[in-house]
Structure formats: C-alpha cells, structure tokens
C-alpha cells in the first residue's frame, strides 16, 4: 500500500497536533504514561512518520513547552484586561490555573519528567531552552505590570514552577506531604507570591 503524501500544510497540522496532544497528555496523565505509540495513536500517524518531525519524545516535549508559552501569555493578557477582575484576582487566577494543570490543560512537568527530558538534551539545547524560559517569565511579568527591575524573572520562574511541581508531586512523589491540604497549600503560596509581586509593582 502506497504511503500517503502529505502537503506542507498537512505536515504542519500534524506537527501542531503532536504538540497539543503531548501537552494534554502531560496535564492529564503525566509524561511517563505518554509513550510515542500512544501519542501517534491519538494523532493518527505511524511511529515512522513521528520521527520525521522529532528525534525523540523529549524533543517533542521541549517544542511543546515552547508552543504553550504564547497561549499562556495570551491567557495572562485576557485576565489583565478583564474588567470584572482586579489585578490581584487576575494574577491569582493565572497562577492557580497553572498549578491545576490537569483541570486547565496546562502542561507542567513533574520532577521526574524534568530529569528525564534533561538527560536527553544536549547542553546547547538545554541552555537555549533556559534562555527562552527567562524571556517567557520576563514577558509574563511585563503583562502583569511589573517593572523590569521589579522581580528577577528567574526567581519568579523558580517560585512559580516549584509551587506547581510540588503540588503535582503530592502524594505519589512526595508521600510525606499531606494531600488533604494540598489545595490550601497552593492558596497560601499563590497569595504569598502575589503579595511580593504587588509590592514590586507598587515600588
């Protein structure tokens, strides 16, 4: 049986479908449960065709995390422009939506998933991704109205991501934490981070 010939437009659609699918899989089940076979089945392509786009699942994840960034920035803008929300409510809503990725479709890697992806990245690709992350967090802080010198985007990224990753790790990876107060923990951490952001914004 002859292989289907894909147009450039169809290839781009498949590439985009792979990225949106892996984002949803990470949000829903975690990367460890999302094999290339599962991703290909969801998108409706063969593994051979997958490798014409990405050399590995980890490379796909890296592209998907970058692909997710404009959507997150747009979500932040919409919250900031929402006349029914205060500044604080908008920022808190954004952070909570990211923490509860399984509900909102935001991909946040677990501790183990970060380690898995890092092991498969060259140093060059890793450093390029870190630079992209700094730019992303700087743009996000700008959308939230913080001056460039208000909060180091790397510090903001560490605080926000650690909050999201710890919440995702309860109870499987961090069984000694108390899962019954995990959402209270998120509420407290979000309030604390937004308190500091508010102080930096009003300086």
Protein backbone atom coordinates (compact mmCIF):
# COMPACT_ATOMS: atom_id res chain seq x y z
CA UNK A 1 0.00 0.00 0.00
CA UNK A 2 1.42 3.38 -1.00
CA UNK A 3 2.24 5.85 1.73
CA UNK A 4 0.18 8.99 1.86
CA UNK A 5 1.97 12.07 0.55
CA UNK A 6 1.47 14.93 2.99
CA UNK A 7 1.45 18.53 1.87
CA UNK A 8 3.44 21.12 3.82
CA UNK A 9 0.19 22.37 5.34
CA UNK A 10 -0.81 18.86 6.43
CA UNK A 11 2.64 18.27 7.93
CA UNK A 12 2.33 21.47 9.93
CA UNK A 13 -1.11 20.37 11.14
CA UNK A 14 0.30 17.01 12.25
CA UNK A 15 3.23 18.71 13.99
CA UNK A 16 0.84 21.01 15.83
CA UNK A 17 -1.41 18.08 16.73
CA UNK A 18 1.56 16.24 18.24
CA UNK A 19 2.43 19.24 20.41
CA UNK A 20 -1.12 19.88 21.60
CA UNK A 21 -1.57 16.15 22.27
CA UNK A 22 1.57 15.82 24.37
CA UNK A 23 0.60 18.96 26.33
CA UNK A 24 -2.78 17.41 27.11
CA UNK A 25 -1.19 14.08 27.99
CA UNK A 26 1.25 15.74 30.41
CA UNK A 27 -1.60 17.68 32.01
CA UNK A 28 -3.86 14.62 32.26
CA UNK A 29 -1.65 11.64 32.97
CA UNK A 30 1.97 12.71 33.03
CA UNK A 31 4.76 12.19 30.52
CA UNK A 32 5.69 8.77 31.89
CA UNK A 33 2.33 7.41 30.72
CA UNK A 34 2.58 9.04 27.29
CA UNK A 35 4.68 6.83 25.02
CA UNK A 36 5.38 7.66 21.40
CA UNK A 37 2.99 4.84 20.48
CA UNK A 38 0.17 6.43 22.48
CA UNK A 39 0.84 9.89 21.02
CA UNK A 40 0.92 8.52 17.47
CA UNK A 41 -2.31 6.63 18.00
CA UNK A 42 -4.05 9.76 19.30
CA UNK A 43 -2.86 11.82 16.34
CA UNK A 44 -3.42 9.03 13.81
CA UNK A 45 0.10 8.65 12.43
CA UNK A 46 2.78 5.96 12.39
CA UNK A 47 5.91 5.97 14.56
CA UNK A 48 7.99 6.23 11.40
CA UNK A 49 6.16 9.43 10.47
CA UNK A 50 6.60 10.75 14.03
CA UNK A 51 10.38 10.54 13.62
CA UNK A 52 10.20 12.75 10.55
CA UNK A 53 9.20 15.55 12.95
CA UNK A 54 11.05 14.85 16.20
CA UNK A 55 14.04 12.69 17.07
CA UNK A 56 12.56 11.67 20.43
CA UNK A 57 9.63 12.15 22.76
CA UNK A 58 11.80 14.50 24.83
CA UNK A 59 12.46 16.74 21.83
CA UNK A 60 8.70 16.87 21.21
CA UNK A 61 8.14 17.88 24.85
CA UNK A 62 10.65 20.72 24.56
CA UNK A 63 8.92 22.06 21.44
CA UNK A 64 5.51 21.63 23.08
CA UNK A 65 6.53 23.63 26.15
CA UNK A 66 7.67 26.45 23.86
CA UNK A 67 4.45 26.11 21.84
CA UNK A 68 2.43 26.50 25.04
CA UNK A 69 4.08 29.79 26.02
CA UNK A 70 2.19 32.18 23.66
CA UNK A 71 -1.10 30.65 24.79
CA UNK A 72 -0.17 31.25 28.43
CA UNK A 73 0.87 34.83 27.70
CA UNK A 74 -2.43 35.42 25.88
CA UNK A 75 -4.33 33.96 28.83
CA UNK A 76 -2.50 36.34 31.16
CA UNK A 77 -3.37 39.32 28.92
CA UNK A 78 -7.03 38.35 28.85
CA UNK A 79 -7.12 38.15 32.64
CA UNK A 80 -5.40 41.53 32.98
CA UNK A 81 -7.89 43.08 30.53
CA UNK A 82 -10.95 41.51 32.18
CA UNK A 83 -12.92 44.44 33.69
CA UNK A 84 -14.59 42.13 36.21
CA UNK A 85 -11.26 41.12 37.78
CA UNK A 86 -8.94 43.12 39.98
CA UNK A 87 -5.21 42.98 39.23
CA UNK A 88 -4.70 40.63 42.13
CA UNK A 89 -7.58 38.34 41.16
CA UNK A 90 -6.25 38.11 37.61
CA UNK A 91 -2.73 37.15 38.69
CA UNK A 92 -4.01 34.65 41.26
CA UNK A 93 -6.32 33.08 38.69
CA UNK A 94 -3.44 32.65 36.25
CA UNK A 95 -1.17 31.03 38.82
CA UNK A 96 -3.89 28.69 40.07
CA UNK A 97 -4.78 27.65 36.53
CA UNK A 98 -1.14 26.69 36.02
CA UNK A 99 -0.99 24.82 39.33
CA UNK A 100 -4.09 22.85 38.46
CA UNK A 101 -2.83 21.87 35.03
CA UNK A 102 -4.96 18.74 34.86
CA UNK A 103 -8.08 20.93 35.06
CA UNK A 104 -6.94 23.74 32.79
CA UNK A 105 -4.87 21.84 30.23
CA UNK A 106 -1.56 23.45 31.20
CA UNK A 107 1.46 21.15 30.92
CA UNK A 108 3.72 21.27 33.97
CA UNK A 109 6.46 18.66 34.14
CA UNK A 110 6.96 16.69 37.33
CA UNK A 111 10.37 16.42 38.99
CA UNK A 112 11.00 13.04 37.35
CA UNK A 113 9.81 14.30 33.96
CA UNK A 114 12.18 17.26 34.10
CA UNK A 115 15.05 14.89 34.88
CA UNK A 116 14.03 12.58 32.03
CA UNK A 117 13.88 15.40 29.49
CA UNK A 118 17.14 16.97 30.73
CA UNK A 119 19.05 13.69 30.33
CA UNK A 120 18.11 13.61 26.65
CA UNK A 121 19.05 17.20 25.85
CA UNK A 122 22.38 18.42 24.59
CA UNK A 123 23.92 21.21 26.63
CA UNK A 124 23.31 23.59 23.73
CA UNK A 125 19.59 22.78 23.56
CA UNK A 126 19.29 22.94 27.33
CA UNK A 127 20.86 26.41 27.53
CA UNK A 128 18.71 27.63 24.62
CA UNK A 129 15.60 26.43 26.44
CA UNK A 130 16.71 28.18 29.65
CA UNK A 131 17.13 31.44 27.72
CA UNK A 132 13.65 31.03 26.25
CA UNK A 133 12.25 30.45 29.74
CA UNK A 134 13.80 33.66 31.06
CA UNK A 135 12.27 35.61 28.16
CA UNK A 136 8.90 33.96 28.81
CA UNK A 137 8.90 34.86 32.51
CA UNK A 138 10.07 38.40 31.75
CA UNK A 139 7.21 38.84 29.27
CA UNK A 140 4.75 37.40 31.77
CA UNK A 141 5.87 39.82 34.49
CA UNK A 142 5.56 42.68 31.99
CA UNK A 143 1.97 41.66 31.20
CA UNK A 144 1.30 41.70 34.95
CA UNK A 145 2.57 45.29 35.02
CA UNK A 146 5.78 44.73 36.92
CA UNK A 147 8.75 46.96 36.04
CA UNK A 148 11.79 45.27 34.53
CA UNK A 149 13.72 45.62 37.79
CA UNK A 150 10.76 44.57 39.94
CA UNK A 151 11.40 40.83 40.26
CA UNK A 152 14.14 38.78 38.64
CA UNK A 153 12.29 36.61 36.06
CA UNK A 154 14.47 33.65 37.06
CA UNK A 155 13.38 33.99 40.68
CA UNK A 156 9.74 34.31 39.64
CA UNK A 157 10.11 31.21 37.46
CA UNK A 158 11.66 29.23 40.31
CA UNK A 159 8.95 30.25 42.76
CA UNK A 160 6.05 29.64 40.38
CA UNK A 161 7.36 26.35 38.96
CA UNK A 162 8.36 24.91 42.34
CA UNK A 163 4.86 25.61 43.62
CA UNK A 164 3.32 23.85 40.61
CA UNK A 165 5.72 20.91 40.70
CA UNK A 166 5.28 20.25 44.42
CA UNK A 167 1.50 20.29 44.03
CA UNK A 168 1.79 17.83 41.13
CA UNK A 169 4.11 15.58 43.20
CA UNK A 170 1.58 15.06 46.01
CA UNK A 171 1.08 12.28 47.02
CA UNK A 172 2.97 9.95 44.65
CA UNK A 173 6.45 11.50 44.54
CA UNK A 174 6.25 13.30 47.89
CA UNK A 175 4.16 10.92 50.05
CA UNK A 176 5.21 12.51 53.35
CA UNK A 177 3.32 15.70 52.47
CA UNK A 178 -0.35 15.89 53.41
CA UNK A 179 -2.55 15.57 50.30
CA UNK A 180 -5.68 16.68 52.17
CA UNK A 181 -4.28 20.23 52.46
CA UNK A 182 -2.60 20.39 49.04
CA UNK A 183 -5.07 22.96 47.71
CA UNK A 184 -4.77 25.04 50.88
CA UNK A 185 -1.01 24.98 50.31
CA UNK A 186 -1.48 26.30 46.78
CA UNK A 187 -3.79 29.07 48.03
CA UNK A 188 -1.20 30.13 50.60
CA UNK A 189 1.72 30.02 48.18
CA UNK A 190 -0.17 31.93 45.49
CA UNK A 191 -1.18 34.65 47.98
CA UNK A 192 2.39 34.94 49.24
CA UNK A 193 3.89 35.18 45.76
CA UNK A 194 1.29 37.73 44.64
CA UNK A 195 1.94 39.78 47.82
CA UNK A 196 5.59 40.09 46.76
CA UNK A 197 4.62 40.85 43.16
CA UNK A 198 2.26 43.58 44.38
CA UNK A 199 5.00 45.16 46.47
CA UNK A 200 7.37 45.14 43.48
CA UNK A 201 4.66 46.57 41.23
CA UNK A 202 3.93 49.47 43.55
CA UNK A 203 7.51 50.49 44.32
